[in-house]
């Protein structure tokens, strides 16, 4: 039981960290897109790819949690 608690605690911390990172990237992308003159399109695309990767990770974690509670 103790191992399960530690595992869940770790997963929640990891989920929170990834979620915060995803949101930070979202805000940065929005900020950069508001000023296209000084923003580099390649940099924005790179940030979008990173954000998508994080979103995929979050989705996998949510699906795993969903199946473990059924």
PDB file of N, CA and C in Angstrom:
ATOM      1  N   UNK A   1       0.820  -1.190   0.000  1.00  0.00           N
ATOM      2  CA  UNK A   1       0.000   0.000   0.000  1.00  0.00           C
ATOM      3  C   UNK A   1       0.870   1.263   0.000  1.00  0.00           C
ATOM      4  N   UNK A   2       1.942   1.210   0.744  1.00  0.00           N
ATOM      5  CA  UNK A   2       2.836   2.367   0.821  1.00  0.00           C
ATOM      6  C   UNK A   2       3.457   2.669  -0.548  1.00  0.00           C
ATOM      7  N   UNK A   3       3.787   1.614  -1.280  1.00  0.00           N
ATOM      8  CA  UNK A   3       4.368   1.787  -2.620  1.00  0.00           C
ATOM      9  C   UNK A   3       3.370   2.452  -3.564  1.00  0.00           C
ATOM     10  N   UNK A   4       2.111   2.041  -3.469  1.00  0.00           N
ATOM     11  CA  UNK A   4       1.074   2.638  -4.300  1.00  0.00           C
ATOM     12  C   UNK A   4       0.927   4.123  -3.979  1.00  0.00           C
ATOM     13  N   UNK A   5       0.948   4.455  -2.713  1.00  0.00           N
ATOM     14  CA  UNK A   5       0.846   5.858  -2.302  1.00  0.00           C
ATOM     15  C   UNK A   5       1.997   6.673  -2.885  1.00  0.00           C
ATOM     16  N   UNK A   6       3.207   6.147  -2.769  1.00  0.00           N
ATOM     17  CA  UNK A   6       4.377   6.858  -3.308  1.00  0.00           C
ATOM     18  C   UNK A   6       4.278   7.010  -4.823  1.00  0.00           C
ATOM     19  N   UNK A   7       3.822   5.948  -5.478  1.00  0.00           N
ATOM     20  CA  UNK A   7       3.672   5.990  -6.933  1.00  0.00           C
ATOM     21  C   UNK A   7       2.660   7.065  -7.336  1.00  0.00           C
ATOM     22  N   UNK A   8       1.511   7.081  -6.678  1.00  0.00           N
ATOM     23  CA  UNK A   8       0.479   8.063  -7.012  1.00  0.00           C
ATOM     24  C   UNK A   8       0.943   9.485  -6.710  1.00  0.00           C
ATOM     25  N   UNK A   9       1.641   9.643  -5.618  1.00  0.00           N
ATOM     26  CA  UNK A   9       2.172  10.957  -5.267  1.00  0.00           C
ATOM     27  C   UNK A   9       3.155  11.435  -6.340  1.00  0.00           C
ATOM     28  N   UNK A  10       4.022  10.539  -6.774  1.00  0.00           N
ATOM     29  CA  UNK A  10       4.986  10.865  -7.829  1.00  0.00           C
ATOM     30  C   UNK A  10       4.262  11.233  -9.121  1.00  0.00           C
ATOM     31  N   UNK A  11       3.262  10.433  -9.509  1.00  0.00           N
ATOM     32  CA  UNK A  11       2.528  10.679 -10.759  1.00  0.00           C
ATOM     33  C   UNK A  11       1.805  12.022 -10.706  1.00  0.00           C
ATOM     34  N   UNK A  12       1.232  12.371  -9.553  1.00  0.00           N
ATOM     35  CA  UNK A  12       0.540  13.652  -9.424  1.00  0.00           C
ATOM     36  C   UNK A  12       1.518  14.815  -9.538  1.00  0.00           C
ATOM     37  N   UNK A  13       2.670  14.676  -8.927  1.00  0.00           N
ATOM     38  CA  UNK A  13       3.688  15.724  -9.031  1.00  0.00           C
ATOM     39  C   UNK A  13       4.164  15.869 -10.469  1.00  0.00           C
ATOM     40  N   UNK A  14       4.368  14.752 -11.132  1.00  0.00           N
ATOM     41  CA  UNK A  14       4.804  14.765 -12.524  1.00  0.00           C
ATOM     42  C   UNK A  14       3.731  15.398 -13.408  1.00  0.00           C
ATOM     43  N   UNK A  15       2.467  15.015 -13.202  1.00  0.00           N
ATOM     44  CA  UNK A  15       1.368  15.578 -13.977  1.00  0.00           C
ATOM     45  C   UNK A  15       1.314  17.095 -13.782  1.00  0.00           C
ATOM     46  N   UNK A  16       1.417  17.544 -12.540  1.00  0.00           N
ATOM     47  CA  UNK A  16       1.369  18.984 -12.253  1.00  0.00           C
ATOM     48  C   UNK A  16       2.507  19.727 -12.933  1.00  0.00           C
ATOM     49  N   UNK A  17       3.696  19.136 -12.889  1.00  0.00           N
ATOM     50  CA  UNK A  17       4.865  19.771 -13.518  1.00  0.00           C
ATOM     51  C   UNK A  17       4.665  19.894 -15.028  1.00  0.00           C
ATOM     52  N   UNK A  18       4.212  18.818 -15.660  1.00  0.00           N
ATOM     53  CA  UNK A  18       3.995  18.836 -17.107  1.00  0.00           C
ATOM     54  C   UNK A  18       2.883  19.817 -17.462  1.00  0.00           C
ATOM     55  N   UNK A  19       1.821  19.835 -16.667  1.00  0.00           N
ATOM     56  CA  UNK A  19       0.702  20.743 -16.914  1.00  0.00           C
ATOM     57  C   UNK A  19       1.153  22.200 -16.826  1.00  0.00           C
ATOM     58  N   UNK A  20       1.958  22.525 -15.817  1.00  0.00           N
ATOM     59  CA  UNK A  20       2.474  23.888 -15.670  1.00  0.00           C
ATOM     60  C   UNK A  20       3.377  24.266 -16.843  1.00  0.00           C
ATOM     61  N   UNK A  21       4.213  23.335 -17.271  1.00  0.00           N
ATOM     62  CA  UNK A  21       5.086  23.573 -18.413  1.00  0.00           C
ATOM     63  C   UNK A  21       4.263  23.837 -19.675  1.00  0.00           C
ATOM     64  N   UNK A  22       3.225  23.028 -19.866  1.00  0.00           N
ATOM     65  CA  UNK A  22       2.332  23.177 -21.018  1.00  0.00           C
ATOM     66  C   UNK A  22       1.699  24.573 -21.019  1.00  0.00           C
ATOM     67  N   UNK A  23       1.201  25.003 -19.868  1.00  0.00           N
ATOM     68  CA  UNK A  23       0.573  26.314 -19.769  1.00  0.00           C
ATOM     69  C   UNK A  23       1.569  27.448 -19.992  1.00  0.00           C
ATOM     70  N   UNK A  24       2.780  27.294 -19.482  1.00  0.00           N
ATOM     71  CA  UNK A  24       3.811  28.313 -19.683  1.00  0.00           C
ATOM     72  C   UNK A  24       4.149  28.446 -21.168  1.00  0.00           C
ATOM     73  N   UNK A  25       4.255  27.322 -21.855  1.00  0.00           N
ATOM     74  CA  UNK A  25       4.520  27.364 -23.298  1.00  0.00           C
ATOM     75  C   UNK A  25       3.364  28.031 -24.036  1.00  0.00           C
ATOM     76  N   UNK A  26       2.145  27.723 -23.615  1.00  0.00           N
ATOM     77  CA  UNK A  26       0.969  28.323 -24.241  1.00  0.00           C
ATOM     78  C   UNK A  26       1.017  29.844 -24.121  1.00  0.00           C
ATOM     79  N   UNK A  27       1.326  30.341 -22.938  1.00  0.00           N
ATOM     80  CA  UNK A  27       1.411  31.792 -22.727  1.00  0.00           C
ATOM     81  C   UNK A  27       2.547  32.410 -23.551  1.00  0.00           C
ATOM     82  N   UNK A  28       3.666  31.714 -23.630  1.00  0.00           N
ATOM     83  CA  UNK A  28       4.805  32.217 -24.409  1.00  0.00           C
ATOM     84  C   UNK A  28       4.462  32.265 -25.899  1.00  0.00           C
ATOM     85  N   UNK A  29       3.793  31.251 -26.399  1.00  0.00           N
ATOM     86  CA  UNK A  29       3.396  31.214 -27.807  1.00  0.00           C
ATOM     87  C   UNK A  29       2.444  32.368 -28.106  1.00  0.00           C
ATOM     88  N   UNK A  30       1.473  32.565 -27.252  1.00  0.00           N
ATOM     89  CA  UNK A  30       0.510  33.664 -27.441  1.00  0.00           C
ATOM     90  C   UNK A  30       1.237  35.002 -27.446  1.00  0.00           C
ATOM     91  N   UNK A  31       2.169  35.177 -26.511  1.00  0.00           N
ATOM     92  CA  UNK A  31       2.928  36.432 -26.442  1.00  0.00           C
ATOM     93  C   UNK A  31       3.732  36.663 -27.716  1.00  0.00           C
ATOM     94  N   UNK A  32       4.379  35.616 -28.201  1.00  0.00           N
ATOM     95  CA  UNK A  32       5.190  35.748 -29.410  1.00  0.00           C
ATOM     96  C   UNK A  32       4.332  35.994 -30.648  1.00  0.00           C
ATOM     97  N   UNK A  33       3.181  35.358 -30.712  1.00  0.00           N
ATOM     98  CA  UNK A  33       2.315  35.531 -31.876  1.00  0.00           C
ATOM     99  C   UNK A  33       1.678  36.923 -31.931  1.00  0.00           C
ATOM    100  N   UNK A  34       1.592  37.582 -30.812  1.00  0.00           N
ATOM    101  CA  UNK A  34       1.034  38.943 -30.785  1.00  0.00           C
ATOM    102  C   UNK A  34       1.992  39.953 -31.407  1.00  0.00           C
ATOM    103  N   UNK A  35       3.271  39.608 -31.473  1.00  0.00           N
ATOM    104  CA  UNK A  35       4.267  40.515 -32.036  1.00  0.00           C
ATOM    105  C   UNK A  35       5.053  39.797 -33.126  1.00  0.00           C
ATOM    106  N   UNK A  36       4.401  39.555 -34.269  1.00  0.00           N
ATOM    107  CA  UNK A  36       5.044  38.774 -35.339  1.00  0.00           C
ATOM    108  C   UNK A  36       6.269  39.452 -35.955  1.00  0.00           C
ATOM    109  N   UNK A  37       6.410  40.749 -35.773  1.00  0.00           N
ATOM    110  CA  UNK A  37       7.546  41.462 -36.362  1.00  0.00           C
ATOM    111  C   UNK A  37       8.851  41.030 -35.699  1.00  0.00           C
ATOM    112  N   UNK A  38       8.841  40.898 -34.390  1.00  0.00           N
ATOM    113  CA  UNK A  38      10.069  40.542 -33.676  1.00  0.00           C
ATOM    114  C   UNK A  38      10.172  39.047 -33.384  1.00  0.00           C
ATOM    115  N   UNK A  39       9.131  38.298 -33.699  1.00  0.00           N
ATOM    116  CA  UNK A  39       9.128  36.867 -33.407  1.00  0.00           C
ATOM    117  C   UNK A  39       9.617  36.060 -34.599  1.00  0.00           C
ATOM    118  N   UNK A  40      10.335  35.011 -34.301  1.00  0.00           N
ATOM    119  CA  UNK A  40      10.849  34.106 -35.308  1.00  0.00           C
ATOM    120  C   UNK A  40       9.852  32.952 -35.463  1.00  0.00           C
ATOM    121  N   UNK A  41       9.395  32.722 -36.678  1.00  0.00           N
ATOM    122  CA  UNK A  41       8.399  31.672 -36.943  1.00  0.00           C
ATOM    123  C   UNK A  41       8.926  30.306 -36.532  1.00  0.00           C
ATOM    124  N   UNK A  42      10.204  30.056 -36.771  1.00  0.00           N
ATOM    125  CA  UNK A  42      10.782  28.763 -36.406  1.00  0.00           C
ATOM    126  C   UNK A  42      10.759  28.548 -34.889  1.00  0.00           C
ATOM    127  N   UNK A  43      11.015  29.627 -34.139  1.00  0.00           N
ATOM    128  CA  UNK A  43      10.978  29.525 -32.672  1.00  0.00           C
ATOM    129  C   UNK A  43       9.567  29.202 -32.191  1.00  0.00           C
ATOM    130  N   UNK A  44       8.583  29.842 -32.787  1.00  0.00           N
ATOM    131  CA  UNK A  44       7.189  29.597 -32.414  1.00  0.00           C
ATOM    132  C   UNK A  44       6.810  28.156 -32.755  1.00  0.00           C
ATOM    133  N   UNK A  45       7.215  27.697 -33.918  1.00  0.00           N
ATOM    134  CA  UNK A  45       6.918  26.309 -34.307  1.00  0.00           C
ATOM    135  C   UNK A  45       7.559  25.305 -33.347  1.00  0.00           C
ATOM    136  N   UNK A  46       8.786  25.585 -32.931  1.00  0.00           N
ATOM    137  CA  UNK A  46       9.471  24.712 -31.982  1.00  0.00           C
ATOM    138  C   UNK A  46       8.704  24.658 -30.660  1.00  0.00           C
ATOM    139  N   UNK A  47       8.260  25.815 -30.180  1.00  0.00           N
ATOM    140  CA  UNK A  47       7.491  25.863 -28.938  1.00  0.00           C
ATOM    141  C   UNK A  47       6.167  25.110 -29.082  1.00  0.00           C
ATOM    142  N   UNK A  48       5.545  25.233 -30.239  1.00  0.00           N
ATOM    143  CA  UNK A  48       4.284  24.517 -30.470  1.00  0.00           C
ATOM    144  C   UNK A  48       4.495  23.008 -30.468  1.00  0.00           C
ATOM    145  N   UNK A  49       5.609  22.562 -31.035  1.00  0.00           N
ATOM    146  CA  UNK A  49       5.904  21.125 -31.031  1.00  0.00           C
ATOM    147  C   UNK A  49       6.166  20.621 -29.606  1.00  0.00           C
ATOM    148  N   UNK A  50       6.881  21.425 -28.821  1.00  0.00           N
ATOM    149  CA  UNK A  50       7.126  21.058 -27.418  1.00  0.00           C
ATOM    150  C   UNK A  50       5.807  20.993 -26.653  1.00  0.00           C
ATOM    151  N   UNK A  51       4.948  21.975 -26.903  1.00  0.00           N
ATOM    152  CA  UNK A  51       3.649  22.012 -26.228  1.00  0.00           C
ATOM    153  C   UNK A  51       2.814  20.795 -26.605  1.00  0.00           C
ATOM    154  N   UNK A  52       2.827  20.410 -27.856  1.00  0.00           N
ATOM    155  CA  UNK A  52       2.074  19.248 -28.312  1.00  0.00           C
ATOM    156  C   UNK A  52       2.606  17.965 -27.672  1.00  0.00           C
ATOM    157  N   UNK A  53       3.923  17.860 -27.555  1.00  0.00           N
ATOM    158  CA  UNK A  53       4.515  16.689 -26.902  1.00  0.00           C
ATOM    159  C   UNK A  53       4.049  16.592 -25.450  1.00  0.00           C
ATOM    160  N   UNK A  54       4.028  17.718 -24.760  1.00  0.00           N
ATOM    161  CA  UNK A  54       3.560  17.730 -23.374  1.00  0.00           C
ATOM    162  C   UNK A  54       2.080  17.367 -23.293  1.00  0.00           C
ATOM    163  N   UNK A  55       1.316  17.865 -24.238  1.00  0.00           N
ATOM    164  CA  UNK A  55      -0.119  17.548 -24.265  1.00  0.00           C
ATOM    165  C   UNK A  55      -0.319  16.048 -24.454  1.00  0.00           C
ATOM    166  N   UNK A  56       0.471  15.445 -25.317  1.00  0.00           N
ATOM    167  CA  UNK A  56       0.393  13.999 -25.527  1.00  0.00           C
ATOM    168  C   UNK A  56       0.735  13.239 -24.242  1.00  0.00           C
ATOM    169  N   UNK A  57       1.753  13.705 -23.526  1.00  0.00           N
ATOM    170  CA  UNK A  57       2.135  13.073 -22.270  1.00  0.00           C
ATOM    171  C   UNK A  57       0.993  13.170 -21.248  1.00  0.00           C
ATOM    172  N   UNK A  58       0.366  14.344 -21.176  1.00  0.00           N
ATOM    173  CA  UNK A  58      -0.757  14.532 -20.255  1.00  0.00           C
ATOM    174  C   UNK A  58      -1.914  13.607 -20.617  1.00  0.00           C
ATOM    175  N   UNK A  59      -2.172  13.476 -21.897  1.00  0.00           N
ATOM    176  CA  UNK A  59      -3.263  12.626 -22.359  1.00  0.00           C
ATOM    177  C   UNK A  59      -3.019  11.170 -21.956  1.00  0.00           C
ATOM    178  N   UNK A  60      -1.800  10.712 -22.149  1.00  0.00           N
ATOM    179  CA  UNK A  60      -1.459   9.334 -21.784  1.00  0.00           C
ATOM    180  C   UNK A  60      -1.661   9.133 -20.283  1.00  0.00           C
ATOM    181  N   UNK A  61      -1.212  10.091 -19.487  1.00  0.00           N
ATOM    182  CA  UNK A  61      -1.360   9.973 -18.036  1.00  0.00           C
ATOM    183  C   UNK A  61      -2.837   9.959 -17.635  1.00  0.00           C
ATOM    184  N   UNK A  62      -3.643  10.783 -18.285  1.00  0.00           N
ATOM    185  CA  UNK A  62      -5.072  10.814 -17.976  1.00  0.00           C
ATOM    186  C   UNK A  62      -5.745   9.500 -18.355  1.00  0.00           C
ATOM    187  N   UNK A  63      -5.391   8.961 -19.511  1.00  0.00           N
ATOM    188  CA  UNK A  63      -5.985   7.692 -19.947  1.00  0.00           C
ATOM    189  C   UNK A  63      -5.582   6.559 -18.994  1.00  0.00           C
ATOM    190  N   UNK A  64      -4.331   6.564 -18.553  1.00  0.00           N
ATOM    191  CA  UNK A  64      -3.879   5.545 -17.611  1.00  0.00           C
ATOM    192  C   UNK A  64      -4.640   5.648 -16.293  1.00  0.00           C
ATOM    193  N   UNK A  65      -4.835   6.861 -15.823  1.00  0.00           N
ATOM    194  CA  UNK A  65      -5.574   7.067 -14.576  1.00  0.00           C
ATOM    195  C   UNK A  65      -7.023   6.641 -14.740  1.00  0.00           C
ATOM    196  N   UNK A  66      -7.589   6.933 -15.900  1.00  0.00           N
ATOM    197  CA  UNK A  66      -8.978   6.576 -16.168  1.00  0.00           C
ATOM    198  C   UNK A  66      -9.169   5.060 -16.163  1.00  0.00           C
ATOM    199  N   UNK A  67      -8.267   4.342 -16.798  1.00  0.00           N
ATOM    200  CA  UNK A  67      -8.398   2.881 -16.865  1.00  0.00           C
ATOM    201  C   UNK A  67      -8.107   2.228 -15.515  1.00  0.00           C
ATOM    202  N   UNK A  68      -7.280   2.858 -14.699  1.00  0.00           N
ATOM    203  CA  UNK A  68      -6.971   2.266 -13.392  1.00  0.00           C
ATOM    204  C   UNK A  68      -8.094   2.483 -12.380  1.00  0.00           C
ATOM    205  N   UNK A  69      -9.002   3.423 -12.662  1.00  0.00           N
ATOM    206  CA  UNK A  69     -10.113   3.679 -11.741  1.00  0.00           C
ATOM    207  C   UNK A  69     -11.377   2.946 -12.151  1.00  0.00           C
ATOM    208  N   UNK A  70     -11.345   2.283 -13.274  1.00  0.00           N
ATOM    209  CA  UNK A  70     -12.550   1.570 -13.740  1.00  0.00           C
ATOM    210  C   UNK A  70     -12.714   0.240 -13.034  1.00  0.00           C
TER     211      UNK A  70
END
